[in-house]
Amino acid sequence: MPDFLSLPLCKVDRPLKIHSRLLQDELWLVPAGTTGEFDAPTYSPEECRLLLILNLSKSELKAVHLSKRVLQGDLVLEIEFLRPLYCKKLDSYNLLAQRYEAGESELEIELQEHSRQLSRLLTQVSQLEKLT
């Protein structure tokens, strides 16, 4: 049995019901392509990654969650939104990289996380560009 506390999002192989203290509500983390009836909003691993990259405030996250609950929809970002988000994240990465190179070695983990987020955004943009 996998350790769900350290399980990467891409390794989720079945729906997991989660009670979010932040949202004060239930949600389901479901593998990509999962269909079916759920008693709470569902989030795919990709939606979770996008929400993390967006770095939304508590109230913004609650608004997204409420929208998913009421509209029973999925989080979809258009390429026109992703490009500026990528540029903003890249600027942030470059600033961190400069500080890291100047000797702030404690920034290594944060720099790696920014790198992963940039990679995910670039993948999203590339996939959307293929569709247009």
Protein backbone atom coordinates (compact mmCIF):
# COMPACT_ATOMS: atom_id res chain seq x y z
CA MET A 1 0.00 0.00 0.00
CA PRO A 2 1.50 3.37 -0.99
CA ASP A 3 2.15 6.13 1.53
CA PHE A 4 -0.49 8.68 0.47
CA LEU A 5 1.17 11.49 2.44
CA SER A 6 4.23 11.41 0.17
CA LEU A 7 2.52 10.15 -2.98
CA PRO A 8 3.29 12.31 -6.05
CA LEU A 9 0.17 13.52 -7.84
CA CYS A 10 1.09 11.55 -10.97
CA LYS A 11 1.01 8.32 -8.95
CA VAL A 12 -2.60 8.66 -7.78
CA ASP A 13 -4.20 5.58 -9.30
CA ARG A 14 -7.71 5.73 -7.82
CA PRO A 15 -10.06 8.43 -6.49
CA LEU A 16 -9.11 9.76 -3.05
CA LYS A 17 -11.62 11.67 -0.93
CA ILE A 18 -10.04 14.50 1.01
CA HIS A 19 -11.40 16.83 3.66
CA SER A 20 -9.77 20.22 3.17
CA ARG A 21 -9.44 22.29 6.33
CA LEU A 22 -8.53 25.28 4.17
CA LEU A 23 -11.73 24.98 2.12
CA GLN A 24 -13.76 23.54 5.00
CA ASP A 25 -15.21 21.12 2.49
CA GLU A 26 -14.73 17.72 0.90
CA LEU A 27 -13.07 17.13 -2.47
CA TRP A 28 -11.92 14.20 -4.56
CA LEU A 29 -8.46 13.85 -6.08
CA VAL A 30 -9.02 11.66 -9.15
CA PRO A 31 -6.65 10.25 -11.78
CA ALA A 32 -6.83 11.88 -15.20
CA GLY A 33 -9.70 10.53 -17.29
CA THR A 34 -11.75 9.35 -14.31
CA THR A 35 -15.49 9.46 -14.88
CA GLY A 36 -18.34 8.80 -12.55
CA GLU A 37 -20.53 10.38 -9.93
CA PHE A 38 -18.84 11.95 -6.90
CA ASP A 39 -20.41 13.62 -3.90
CA ALA A 40 -17.92 16.51 -3.94
CA PRO A 41 -15.94 18.48 -6.55
CA THR A 42 -13.19 16.51 -8.29
CA TYR A 43 -9.66 17.68 -9.00
CA SER A 44 -7.29 15.99 -11.43
CA PRO A 45 -3.55 16.00 -10.69
CA GLU A 46 -3.09 18.57 -13.46
CA GLU A 47 -5.70 20.88 -11.91
CA CYS A 48 -3.91 20.58 -8.56
CA ARG A 49 -0.58 21.45 -10.18
CA LEU A 50 -2.11 24.50 -11.88
CA LEU A 51 -3.65 25.67 -8.63
CA LEU A 52 -0.26 25.36 -6.92
CA ILE A 53 1.45 27.30 -9.71
CA LEU A 54 -1.19 30.03 -9.57
CA ASN A 55 -0.40 30.53 -5.86
CA LEU A 56 -3.96 31.69 -5.14
CA SER A 57 -5.07 33.23 -1.87
CA LYS A 58 -7.38 31.32 0.46
CA SER A 59 -10.41 33.26 -0.78
CA GLU A 60 -9.47 32.71 -4.43
CA LEU A 61 -9.10 28.95 -3.82
CA LYS A 62 -12.50 28.92 -2.14
CA ALA A 63 -13.98 30.74 -5.16
CA VAL A 64 -12.53 28.14 -7.55
CA HIS A 65 -13.82 25.32 -5.37
CA LEU A 66 -17.29 26.84 -5.09
CA SER A 67 -17.38 27.33 -8.86
CA LYS A 68 -16.46 23.68 -9.41
CA ARG A 69 -19.14 22.62 -6.92
CA VAL A 70 -21.92 24.75 -8.42
CA LEU A 71 -21.00 24.40 -12.09
CA GLN A 72 -19.63 20.85 -11.89
CA GLY A 73 -16.81 21.84 -14.18
CA ASP A 74 -13.10 21.48 -14.72
CA LEU A 75 -10.34 24.04 -14.36
CA VAL A 76 -9.31 25.05 -17.88
CA LEU A 77 -6.67 27.64 -18.63
CA GLU A 78 -6.39 29.22 -22.04
CA ILE A 79 -3.05 29.76 -23.74
CA GLU A 80 -3.53 33.53 -23.54
CA PHE A 81 -3.48 33.17 -19.74
CA LEU A 82 -0.67 30.62 -19.54
CA ARG A 83 1.91 32.59 -21.53
CA PRO A 84 1.93 35.61 -19.17
CA LEU A 85 1.88 33.26 -16.18
CA TYR A 86 4.93 31.47 -17.58
CA CYS A 87 6.74 34.79 -18.12
CA LYS A 88 5.94 35.92 -14.58
CA LYS A 89 7.16 32.60 -13.13
CA LEU A 90 10.30 32.79 -15.31
CA ASP A 91 11.09 36.28 -14.01
CA SER A 92 10.69 35.00 -10.46
CA TYR A 93 12.93 32.02 -11.24
CA ASN A 94 15.61 34.30 -12.73
CA LEU A 95 15.63 36.51 -9.61
CA LEU A 96 15.95 33.46 -7.37
CA ALA A 97 18.74 32.08 -9.58
CA GLN A 98 20.68 35.34 -9.28
CA ARG A 99 20.36 35.27 -5.49
CA TYR A 100 21.35 31.60 -5.42
CA GLU A 101 24.41 32.25 -7.57
CA ALA A 102 25.31 35.15 -5.27
CA GLY A 103 25.60 32.70 -2.40
CA GLU A 104 22.11 32.23 -0.95
CA SER A 105 22.35 28.44 -1.05
CA GLU A 106 19.21 28.01 1.11
CA LEU A 107 17.19 28.93 -1.99
CA GLU A 108 18.05 25.67 -3.76
CA ILE A 109 14.77 23.87 -2.92
CA GLU A 110 12.66 26.91 -3.86
CA LEU A 111 14.63 27.24 -7.10
CA GLN A 112 13.98 23.58 -7.92
CA GLU A 113 10.25 24.01 -7.28
CA HIS A 114 10.14 27.05 -9.57
CA SER A 115 11.95 24.98 -12.21
CA ARG A 116 9.35 22.19 -11.95
CA GLN A 117 6.51 24.70 -12.20
CA LEU A 118 8.08 26.31 -15.27
CA SER A 119 8.44 22.91 -16.88
CA ARG A 120 4.76 22.10 -16.21
CA LEU A 121 3.62 25.45 -17.59
CA LEU A 122 5.79 25.04 -20.68
CA THR A 123 4.27 21.60 -21.23
CA GLN A 124 0.76 23.07 -20.91
CA VAL A 125 1.55 25.89 -23.35
CA SER A 126 3.10 23.45 -25.84
CA GLN A 127 0.07 21.18 -25.67
CA LEU A 128 -2.33 24.08 -26.20
CA GLU A 129 -0.26 25.44 -29.11
CA LYS A 130 -0.58 22.06 -30.86
CA LEU A 131 -4.37 22.34 -30.61
CA THR A 132 -4.53 25.80 -32.18
